[in-house]
Amino acid sequence: MACDQALMQQMRGYRLATAEILYHMPDHPGLLQSYVWQDYDIAPAYPVLSDFLTFWGKELEGPIHSVRVAGKRLISAAELRAVSVFGLV
């Protein structure tokens, strides 16, 4: 994702979301494996993560055991301000 696209998403309320997905290994169902997913998403619904988990359930082996999600807003209103560069602002 280009830097300007990431910034535009953040301006629209997206935040950096990280999910730890624990799943049962296909060949050894008694063992759990961890997968870390990270993308820009909107809390609290997390539609991008939901789409990924739907894809996982349909296309990948290894049933999901649990998902732990954390989200961090990278830009807040107090951190965004106009800056004058050579008198343009």
PDB file of N, CA and C in Angstrom:
ATOM      1  N   MET A   1       0.858  -1.172   0.000  1.00  0.00           N
ATOM      2  CA  MET A   1       0.000   0.000   0.000  1.00  0.00           C
ATOM      3  C   MET A   1       0.906   1.236   0.000  1.00  0.00           C
ATOM      4  N   ALA A   2       0.604   2.163  -0.872  1.00  0.00           N
ATOM      5  CA  ALA A   2       1.381   3.391  -0.954  1.00  0.00           C
ATOM      6  C   ALA A   2       1.157   4.234   0.293  1.00  0.00           C
ATOM      7  N   CYS A   3       2.148   5.045   0.612  1.00  0.00           N
ATOM      8  CA  CYS A   3       2.094   5.882   1.811  1.00  0.00           C
ATOM      9  C   CYS A   3       0.883   6.815   1.795  1.00  0.00           C
ATOM     10  N   ASP A   4       0.593   7.413   0.650  1.00  0.00           N
ATOM     11  CA  ASP A   4      -0.547   8.334   0.589  1.00  0.00           C
ATOM     12  C   ASP A   4      -1.874   7.610   0.754  1.00  0.00           C
ATOM     13  N   GLN A   5      -1.981   6.365   0.294  1.00  0.00           N
ATOM     14  CA  GLN A   5      -3.203   5.592   0.499  1.00  0.00           C
ATOM     15  C   GLN A   5      -3.391   5.283   1.981  1.00  0.00           C
ATOM     16  N   ALA A   6      -2.311   4.913   2.664  1.00  0.00           N
ATOM     17  CA  ALA A   6      -2.380   4.613   4.095  1.00  0.00           C
ATOM     18  C   ALA A   6      -2.815   5.853   4.867  1.00  0.00           C
ATOM     19  N   LEU A   7      -2.275   7.012   4.515  1.00  0.00           N
ATOM     20  CA  LEU A   7      -2.647   8.251   5.184  1.00  0.00           C
ATOM     21  C   LEU A   7      -4.118   8.572   4.952  1.00  0.00           C
ATOM     22  N   MET A   8      -4.601   8.391   3.718  1.00  0.00           N
ATOM     23  CA  MET A   8      -6.006   8.668   3.417  1.00  0.00           C
ATOM     24  C   MET A   8      -6.933   7.727   4.200  1.00  0.00           C
ATOM     25  N   GLN A   9      -6.535   6.475   4.335  1.00  0.00           N
ATOM     26  CA  GLN A   9      -7.345   5.543   5.122  1.00  0.00           C
ATOM     27  C   GLN A   9      -7.400   5.992   6.579  1.00  0.00           C
ATOM     28  N   GLN A  10      -6.275   6.411   7.117  1.00  0.00           N
ATOM     29  CA  GLN A  10      -6.237   6.865   8.506  1.00  0.00           C
ATOM     30  C   GLN A  10      -7.102   8.097   8.697  1.00  0.00           C
ATOM     31  N   MET A  11      -7.144   8.967   7.710  1.00  0.00           N
ATOM     32  CA  MET A  11      -7.982  10.168   7.791  1.00  0.00           C
ATOM     33  C   MET A  11      -9.469   9.795   7.783  1.00  0.00           C
ATOM     34  N   ARG A  12      -9.807   8.639   7.183  1.00  0.00           N
ATOM     35  CA  ARG A  12     -11.197   8.177   7.135  1.00  0.00           C
ATOM     36  C   ARG A  12     -11.561   7.306   8.340  1.00  0.00           C
ATOM     37  N   GLY A  13     -10.676   7.220   9.343  1.00  0.00           N
ATOM     38  CA  GLY A  13     -11.005   6.491  10.562  1.00  0.00           C
ATOM     39  C   GLY A  13     -10.431   5.097  10.668  1.00  0.00           C
ATOM     40  N   TYR A  14      -9.691   4.668   9.655  1.00  0.00           N
ATOM     41  CA  TYR A  14      -9.054   3.357   9.747  1.00  0.00           C
ATOM     42  C   TYR A  14      -7.931   3.418  10.773  1.00  0.00           C
ATOM     43  N   ARG A  15      -7.653   2.294  11.386  1.00  0.00           N
ATOM     44  CA  ARG A  15      -6.548   2.195  12.333  1.00  0.00           C
ATOM     45  C   ARG A  15      -5.758   0.938  12.019  1.00  0.00           C
ATOM     46  N   LEU A  16      -4.538   0.881  12.514  1.00  0.00           N
ATOM     47  CA  LEU A  16      -3.725  -0.310  12.321  1.00  0.00           C
ATOM     48  C   LEU A  16      -4.259  -1.400  13.239  1.00  0.00           C
ATOM     49  N   ALA A  17      -4.747  -2.481  12.650  1.00  0.00           N
ATOM     50  CA  ALA A  17      -5.309  -3.589  13.416  1.00  0.00           C
ATOM     51  C   ALA A  17      -4.363  -4.782  13.319  1.00  0.00           C
ATOM     52  N   THR A  18      -4.167  -5.433  14.434  1.00  0.00           N
ATOM     53  CA  THR A  18      -3.338  -6.630  14.504  1.00  0.00           C
ATOM     54  C   THR A  18      -4.170  -7.735  15.130  1.00  0.00           C
ATOM     55  N   ALA A  19      -4.155  -8.903  14.508  1.00  0.00           N
ATOM     56  CA  ALA A  19      -4.892 -10.044  15.041  1.00  0.00           C
ATOM     57  C   ALA A  19      -3.951 -11.228  15.174  1.00  0.00           C
ATOM     58  N   GLU A  20      -4.011 -11.881  16.324  1.00  0.00           N
ATOM     59  CA  GLU A  20      -3.301 -13.149  16.502  1.00  0.00           C
ATOM     60  C   GLU A  20      -4.348 -14.245  16.338  1.00  0.00           C
ATOM     61  N   ILE A  21      -4.151 -15.063  15.337  1.00  0.00           N
ATOM     62  CA  ILE A  21      -5.094 -16.129  15.023  1.00  0.00           C
ATOM     63  C   ILE A  21      -4.467 -17.459  15.449  1.00  0.00           C
ATOM     64  N   LEU A  22      -5.114 -18.144  16.379  1.00  0.00           N
ATOM     65  CA  LEU A  22      -4.679 -19.482  16.759  1.00  0.00           C
ATOM     66  C   LEU A  22      -5.549 -20.477  15.999  1.00  0.00           C
ATOM     67  N   TYR A  23      -4.897 -21.432  15.352  1.00  0.00           N
ATOM     68  CA  TYR A  23      -5.649 -22.412  14.575  1.00  0.00           C
ATOM     69  C   TYR A  23      -5.076 -23.807  14.791  1.00  0.00           C
ATOM     70  N   HIS A  24      -5.924 -24.802  14.551  1.00  0.00           N
ATOM     71  CA  HIS A  24      -5.511 -26.197  14.679  1.00  0.00           C
ATOM     72  C   HIS A  24      -4.731 -26.588  13.432  1.00  0.00           C
ATOM     73  N   MET A  25      -3.556 -27.189  13.617  1.00  0.00           N
ATOM     74  CA  MET A  25      -2.771 -27.630  12.474  1.00  0.00           C
ATOM     75  C   MET A  25      -3.521 -28.754  11.753  1.00  0.00           C
ATOM     76  N   PRO A  26      -3.602 -28.684  10.422  1.00  0.00           N
ATOM     77  CA  PRO A  26      -4.377 -29.679   9.667  1.00  0.00           C
ATOM     78  C   PRO A  26      -3.918 -31.124   9.904  1.00  0.00           C
ATOM     79  N   ASP A  27      -2.617 -31.372   9.930  1.00  0.00           N
ATOM     80  CA  ASP A  27      -2.103 -32.734  10.087  1.00  0.00           C
ATOM     81  C   ASP A  27      -2.056 -33.190  11.539  1.00  0.00           C
ATOM     82  N   HIS A  28      -2.108 -32.237  12.469  1.00  0.00           N
ATOM     83  CA  HIS A  28      -2.032 -32.541  13.903  1.00  0.00           C
ATOM     84  C   HIS A  28      -3.059 -31.677  14.632  1.00  0.00           C
ATOM     85  N   PRO A  29      -4.343 -32.038  14.579  1.00  0.00           N
ATOM     86  CA  PRO A  29      -5.411 -31.186  15.123  1.00  0.00           C
ATOM     87  C   PRO A  29      -5.281 -30.882  16.615  1.00  0.00           C
ATOM     88  N   GLY A  30      -4.497 -31.664  17.330  1.00  0.00           N
ATOM     89  CA  GLY A  30      -4.307 -31.404  18.763  1.00  0.00           C
ATOM     90  C   GLY A  30      -3.314 -30.282  19.036  1.00  0.00           C
ATOM     91  N   LEU A  31      -2.613 -29.834  18.000  1.00  0.00           N
ATOM     92  CA  LEU A  31      -1.625 -28.757  18.151  1.00  0.00           C
ATOM     93  C   LEU A  31      -2.172 -27.451  17.587  1.00  0.00           C
ATOM     94  N   LEU A  32      -1.843 -26.356  18.266  1.00  0.00           N
ATOM     95  CA  LEU A  32      -2.243 -25.030  17.798  1.00  0.00           C
ATOM     96  C   LEU A  32      -1.047 -24.314  17.191  1.00  0.00           C
ATOM     97  N   GLN A  33      -1.290 -23.591  16.120  1.00  0.00           N
ATOM     98  CA  GLN A  33      -0.284 -22.761  15.467  1.00  0.00           C
ATOM     99  C   GLN A  33      -0.773 -21.322  15.533  1.00  0.00           C
ATOM    100  N   SER A  34       0.149 -20.372  15.557  1.00  0.00           N
ATOM    101  CA  SER A  34      -0.201 -18.958  15.627  1.00  0.00           C
ATOM    102  C   SER A  34       0.108 -18.275  14.297  1.00  0.00           C
ATOM    103  N   TYR A  35      -0.797 -17.392  13.873  1.00  0.00           N
ATOM    104  CA  TYR A  35      -0.617 -16.586  12.669  1.00  0.00           C
ATOM    105  C   TYR A  35      -0.936 -15.146  13.038  1.00  0.00           C
ATOM    106  N   VAL A  36      -0.065 -14.211  12.676  1.00  0.00           N
ATOM    107  CA  VAL A  36      -0.293 -12.800  12.977  1.00  0.00           C
ATOM    108  C   VAL A  36      -0.689 -12.083  11.683  1.00  0.00           C
ATOM    109  N   TRP A  37      -1.855 -11.435  11.705  1.00  0.00           N
ATOM    110  CA  TRP A  37      -2.402 -10.689  10.579  1.00  0.00           C
ATOM    111  C   TRP A  37      -2.383  -9.213  10.948  1.00  0.00           C
ATOM    112  N   GLN A  38      -2.039  -8.349   9.981  1.00  0.00           N
ATOM    113  CA  GLN A  38      -2.026  -6.909  10.253  1.00  0.00           C
ATOM    114  C   GLN A  38      -2.446  -6.159   8.991  1.00  0.00           C
ATOM    115  N   ASP A  39      -3.359  -5.183   9.184  1.00  0.00           N
ATOM    116  CA  ASP A  39      -3.839  -4.368   8.069  1.00  0.00           C
ATOM    117  C   ASP A  39      -4.562  -3.156   8.661  1.00  0.00           C
ATOM    118  N   TYR A  40      -4.916  -2.202   7.810  1.00  0.00           N
ATOM    119  CA  TYR A  40      -5.728  -1.074   8.257  1.00  0.00           C
ATOM    120  C   TYR A  40      -7.183  -1.508   8.247  1.00  0.00           C
ATOM    121  N   ASP A  41      -7.908  -1.191   9.333  1.00  0.00           N
ATOM    122  CA  ASP A  41      -9.287  -1.628   9.476  1.00  0.00           C
ATOM    123  C   ASP A  41     -10.041  -0.634  10.350  1.00  0.00           C
ATOM    124  N   ILE A  42     -11.355  -0.781  10.419  1.00  0.00           N
ATOM    125  CA  ILE A  42     -12.196   0.135  11.194  1.00  0.00           C
ATOM    126  C   ILE A  42     -12.758  -0.601  12.408  1.00  0.00           C
ATOM    127  N   ALA A  43     -12.465  -0.084  13.601  1.00  0.00           N
ATOM    128  CA  ALA A  43     -12.994  -0.657  14.843  1.00  0.00           C
ATOM    129  C   ALA A  43     -14.379  -0.075  15.084  1.00  0.00           C
ATOM    130  N   PRO A  44     -15.260  -0.759  15.762  1.00  0.00           N
ATOM    131  CA  PRO A  44     -15.101  -2.070  16.385  1.00  0.00           C
ATOM    132  C   PRO A  44     -15.545  -3.226  15.497  1.00  0.00           C
ATOM    133  N   ALA A  45     -16.068  -2.949  14.300  1.00  0.00           N
ATOM    134  CA  ALA A  45     -16.583  -4.029  13.444  1.00  0.00           C
ATOM    135  C   ALA A  45     -15.464  -4.822  12.759  1.00  0.00           C
ATOM    136  N   TYR A  46     -14.351  -4.164  12.439  1.00  0.00           N
ATOM    137  CA  TYR A  46     -13.212  -4.786  11.743  1.00  0.00           C
ATOM    138  C   TYR A  46     -13.660  -5.548  10.491  1.00  0.00           C
ATOM    139  N   PRO A  47     -14.242  -4.847   9.503  1.00  0.00           N
ATOM    140  CA  PRO A  47     -14.734  -5.534   8.300  1.00  0.00           C
ATOM    141  C   PRO A  47     -13.631  -6.185   7.462  1.00  0.00           C
ATOM    142  N   VAL A  48     -12.444  -5.598   7.415  1.00  0.00           N
ATOM    143  CA  VAL A  48     -11.344  -6.177   6.631  1.00  0.00           C
ATOM    144  C   VAL A  48     -10.912  -7.499   7.262  1.00  0.00           C
ATOM    145  N   LEU A  49     -10.780  -7.518   8.582  1.00  0.00           N
ATOM    146  CA  LEU A  49     -10.436  -8.751   9.291  1.00  0.00           C
ATOM    147  C   LEU A  49     -11.541  -9.788   9.126  1.00  0.00           C
ATOM    148  N   SER A  50     -12.788  -9.369   9.215  1.00  0.00           N
ATOM    149  CA  SER A  50     -13.909 -10.300   9.037  1.00  0.00           C
ATOM    150  C   SER A  50     -13.874 -10.958   7.663  1.00  0.00           C
ATOM    151  N   ASP A  51     -13.576 -10.165   6.634  1.00  0.00           N
ATOM    152  CA  ASP A  51     -13.455 -10.724   5.281  1.00  0.00           C
ATOM    153  C   ASP A  51     -12.322 -11.747   5.210  1.00  0.00           C
ATOM    154  N   PHE A  52     -11.195 -11.432   5.852  1.00  0.00           N
ATOM    155  CA  PHE A  52     -10.064 -12.362   5.856  1.00  0.00           C
ATOM    156  C   PHE A  52     -10.425 -13.658   6.574  1.00  0.00           C
ATOM    157  N   LEU A  53     -11.113 -13.561   7.705  1.00  0.00           N
ATOM    158  CA  LEU A  53     -11.493 -14.760   8.449  1.00  0.00           C
ATOM    159  C   LEU A  53     -12.511 -15.598   7.666  1.00  0.00           C
ATOM    160  N   THR A  54     -13.395 -14.942   6.919  1.00  0.00           N
ATOM    161  CA  THR A  54     -14.336 -15.657   6.052  1.00  0.00           C
ATOM    162  C   THR A  54     -13.569 -16.405   4.962  1.00  0.00           C
ATOM    163  N   PHE A  55     -12.594 -15.727   4.339  1.00  0.00           N
ATOM    164  CA  PHE A  55     -11.739 -16.373   3.341  1.00  0.00           C
ATOM    165  C   PHE A  55     -11.031 -17.580   3.949  1.00  0.00           C
ATOM    166  N   TRP A  56     -10.469 -17.410   5.148  1.00  0.00           N
ATOM    167  CA  TRP A  56      -9.762 -18.493   5.828  1.00  0.00           C
ATOM    168  C   TRP A  56     -10.681 -19.705   5.985  1.00  0.00           C
ATOM    169  N   GLY A  57     -11.868 -19.483   6.491  1.00  0.00           N
ATOM    170  CA  GLY A  57     -12.806 -20.574   6.725  1.00  0.00           C
ATOM    171  C   GLY A  57     -13.200 -21.328   5.467  1.00  0.00           C
ATOM    172  N   LYS A  58     -13.251 -20.617   4.329  1.00  0.00           N
ATOM    173  CA  LYS A  58     -13.663 -21.244   3.066  1.00  0.00           C
ATOM    174  C   LYS A  58     -12.502 -21.887   2.312  1.00  0.00           C
ATOM    175  N   GLU A  59     -11.323 -21.264   2.371  1.00  0.00           N
ATOM    176  CA  GLU A  59     -10.230 -21.652   1.474  1.00  0.00           C
ATOM    177  C   GLU A  59      -9.030 -22.343   2.134  1.00  0.00           C
ATOM    178  N   LEU A  60      -8.842 -22.170   3.429  1.00  0.00           N
ATOM    179  CA  LEU A  60      -7.637 -22.700   4.072  1.00  0.00           C
ATOM    180  C   LEU A  60      -7.964 -23.850   5.008  1.00  0.00           C
ATOM    181  N   GLU A  61      -7.030 -24.782   5.089  1.00  0.00           N
ATOM    182  CA  GLU A  61      -7.168 -25.861   6.059  1.00  0.00           C
ATOM    183  C   GLU A  61      -6.714 -25.338   7.408  1.00  0.00           C
ATOM    184  N   GLY A  62      -7.141 -25.993   8.453  1.00  0.00           N
ATOM    185  CA  GLY A  62      -6.757 -25.572   9.787  1.00  0.00           C
ATOM    186  C   GLY A  62      -7.835 -24.721  10.418  1.00  0.00           C
ATOM    187  N   PRO A  63      -8.794 -25.356  11.099  1.00  0.00           N
ATOM    188  CA  PRO A  63      -9.877 -24.600  11.726  1.00  0.00           C
ATOM    189  C   PRO A  63      -9.358 -23.602  12.771  1.00  0.00           C
ATOM    190  N   ILE A  64      -9.972 -22.454  12.795  1.00  0.00           N
ATOM    191  CA  ILE A  64      -9.567 -21.402  13.732  1.00  0.00           C
ATOM    192  C   ILE A  64     -10.030 -21.776  15.138  1.00  0.00           C
ATOM    193  N   HIS A  65      -9.117 -21.632  16.072  1.00  0.00           N
ATOM    194  CA  HIS A  65      -9.410 -21.879  17.490  1.00  0.00           C
ATOM    195  C   HIS A  65      -9.871 -20.587  18.156  1.00  0.00           C
ATOM    196  N   SER A  66      -9.092 -19.511  17.972  1.00  0.00           N
ATOM    197  CA  SER A  66      -9.430 -18.229  18.590  1.00  0.00           C
ATOM    198  C   SER A  66      -8.729 -17.094  17.844  1.00  0.00           C
ATOM    199  N   VAL A  67      -9.258 -15.883  18.041  1.00  0.00           N
ATOM    200  CA  VAL A  67      -8.685 -14.680  17.428  1.00  0.00           C
ATOM    201  C   VAL A  67      -8.614 -13.601  18.492  1.00  0.00           C
ATOM    202  N   ARG A  68      -7.447 -12.999  18.634  1.00  0.00           N
ATOM    203  CA  ARG A  68      -7.258 -11.885  19.568  1.00  0.00           C
ATOM    204  C   ARG A  68      -6.892 -10.654  18.740  1.00  0.00           C
ATOM    205  N   VAL A  69      -7.623  -9.556  18.946  1.00  0.00           N
ATOM    206  CA  VAL A  69      -7.480  -8.362  18.107  1.00  0.00           C
ATOM    207  C   VAL A  69      -7.040  -7.164  18.945  1.00  0.00           C
ATOM    208  N   ALA A  70      -6.136  -6.375  18.372  1.00  0.00           N
ATOM    209  CA  ALA A  70      -5.722  -5.103  18.976  1.00  0.00           C
ATOM    210  C   ALA A  70      -5.727  -4.058  17.862  1.00  0.00           C
ATOM    211  N   GLY A  71      -6.132  -2.840  18.198  1.00  0.00           N
ATOM    212  CA  GLY A  71      -6.152  -1.767  17.214  1.00  0.00           C
ATOM    213  C   GLY A  71      -5.543  -0.512  17.796  1.00  0.00           C
ATOM    214  N   LYS A  72      -4.831   0.226  16.975  1.00  0.00           N
ATOM    215  CA  LYS A  72      -4.186   1.456  17.422  1.00  0.00           C
ATOM    216  C   LYS A  72      -4.417   2.529  16.383  1.00  0.00           C
ATOM    217  N   ARG A  73      -5.032   3.627  16.832  1.00  0.00           N
ATOM    218  CA  ARG A  73      -5.207   4.785  15.963  1.00  0.00           C
ATOM    219  C   ARG A  73      -3.838   5.443  15.799  1.00  0.00           C
ATOM    220  N   LEU A  74      -3.395   5.629  14.570  1.00  0.00           N
ATOM    221  CA  LEU A  74      -2.070   6.190  14.321  1.00  0.00           C
ATOM    222  C   LEU A  74      -2.088   7.709  14.237  1.00  0.00           C
ATOM    223  N   ILE A  75      -3.214   8.264  13.817  1.00  0.00           N
ATOM    224  CA  ILE A  75      -3.359   9.719  13.736  1.00  0.00           C
ATOM    225  C   ILE A  75      -4.581  10.105  14.543  1.00  0.00           C
ATOM    226  N   SER A  76      -4.414  11.061  15.435  1.00  0.00           N
ATOM    227  CA  SER A  76      -5.569  11.572  16.170  1.00  0.00           C
ATOM    228  C   SER A  76      -5.727  13.053  15.852  1.00  0.00           C
ATOM    229  N   ALA A  77      -6.858  13.610  16.214  1.00  0.00           N
ATOM    230  CA  ALA A  77      -7.154  15.007  15.887  1.00  0.00           C
ATOM    231  C   ALA A  77      -6.103  15.958  16.454  1.00  0.00           C
ATOM    232  N   ALA A  78      -5.592  15.679  17.632  1.00  0.00           N
ATOM    233  CA  ALA A  78      -4.608  16.562  18.256  1.00  0.00           C
ATOM    234  C   ALA A  78      -3.260  16.530  17.524  1.00  0.00           C
ATOM    235  N   GLU A  79      -3.008  15.477  16.742  1.00  0.00           N
ATOM    236  CA  GLU A  79      -1.731  15.343  16.066  1.00  0.00           C
ATOM    237  C   GLU A  79      -1.759  15.870  14.629  1.00  0.00           C
ATOM    238  N   LEU A  80      -2.930  16.207  14.142  1.00  0.00           N
ATOM    239  CA  LEU A  80      -3.069  16.655  12.768  1.00  0.00           C
ATOM    240  C   LEU A  80      -3.260  18.173  12.755  1.00  0.00           C
ATOM    241  N   ARG A  81      -2.375  18.875  12.076  1.00  0.00           N
ATOM    242  CA  ARG A  81      -2.500  20.332  11.986  1.00  0.00           C
ATOM    243  C   ARG A  81      -1.826  20.815  10.698  1.00  0.00           C
ATOM    244  N   ALA A  82      -2.261  21.965  10.222  1.00  0.00           N
ATOM    245  CA  ALA A  82      -1.661  22.542   9.018  1.00  0.00           C
ATOM    246  C   ALA A  82      -0.312  23.152   9.379  1.00  0.00           C
ATOM    247  N   VAL A  83       0.624  22.981   8.480  1.00  0.00           N
ATOM    248  CA  VAL A  83       1.961  23.518   8.695  1.00  0.00           C
ATOM    249  C   VAL A  83       2.277  24.439   7.522  1.00  0.00           C
ATOM    250  N   SER A  84       2.760  25.613   7.804  1.00  0.00           N
ATOM    251  CA  SER A  84       3.105  26.568   6.769  1.00  0.00           C
ATOM    252  C   SER A  84       4.498  26.236   6.203  1.00  0.00           C
ATOM    253  N   VAL A  85       4.520  26.015   4.892  1.00  0.00           N
ATOM    254  CA  VAL A  85       5.783  25.758   4.221  1.00  0.00           C
ATOM    255  C   VAL A  85       5.958  26.837   3.176  1.00  0.00           C
ATOM    256  N   PHE A  86       6.910  27.693   3.392  1.00  0.00           N
ATOM    257  CA  PHE A  86       7.201  28.801   2.472  1.00  0.00           C
ATOM    258  C   PHE A  86       5.980  29.681   2.253  1.00  0.00           C
ATOM    259  N   GLY A  87       5.172  29.858   3.308  1.00  0.00           N
ATOM    260  CA  GLY A  87       4.031  30.749   3.238  1.00  0.00           C
ATOM    261  C   GLY A  87       2.868  30.250   2.416  1.00  0.00           C
ATOM    262  N   LEU A  88       2.794  28.919   2.160  1.00  0.00           N
ATOM    263  CA  LEU A  88       1.711  28.378   1.346  1.00  0.00           C
ATOM    264  C   LEU A  88       0.442  28.130   2.126  1.00  0.00           C
ATOM    265  N   VAL A  89       0.522  27.988   3.443  1.00  0.00           N
ATOM    266  CA  VAL A  89      -0.680  27.729   4.240  1.00  0.00           C
ATOM    267  C   VAL A  89      -1.039  28.955   5.030  1.00  0.00           C
TER     268      VAL A  89
END
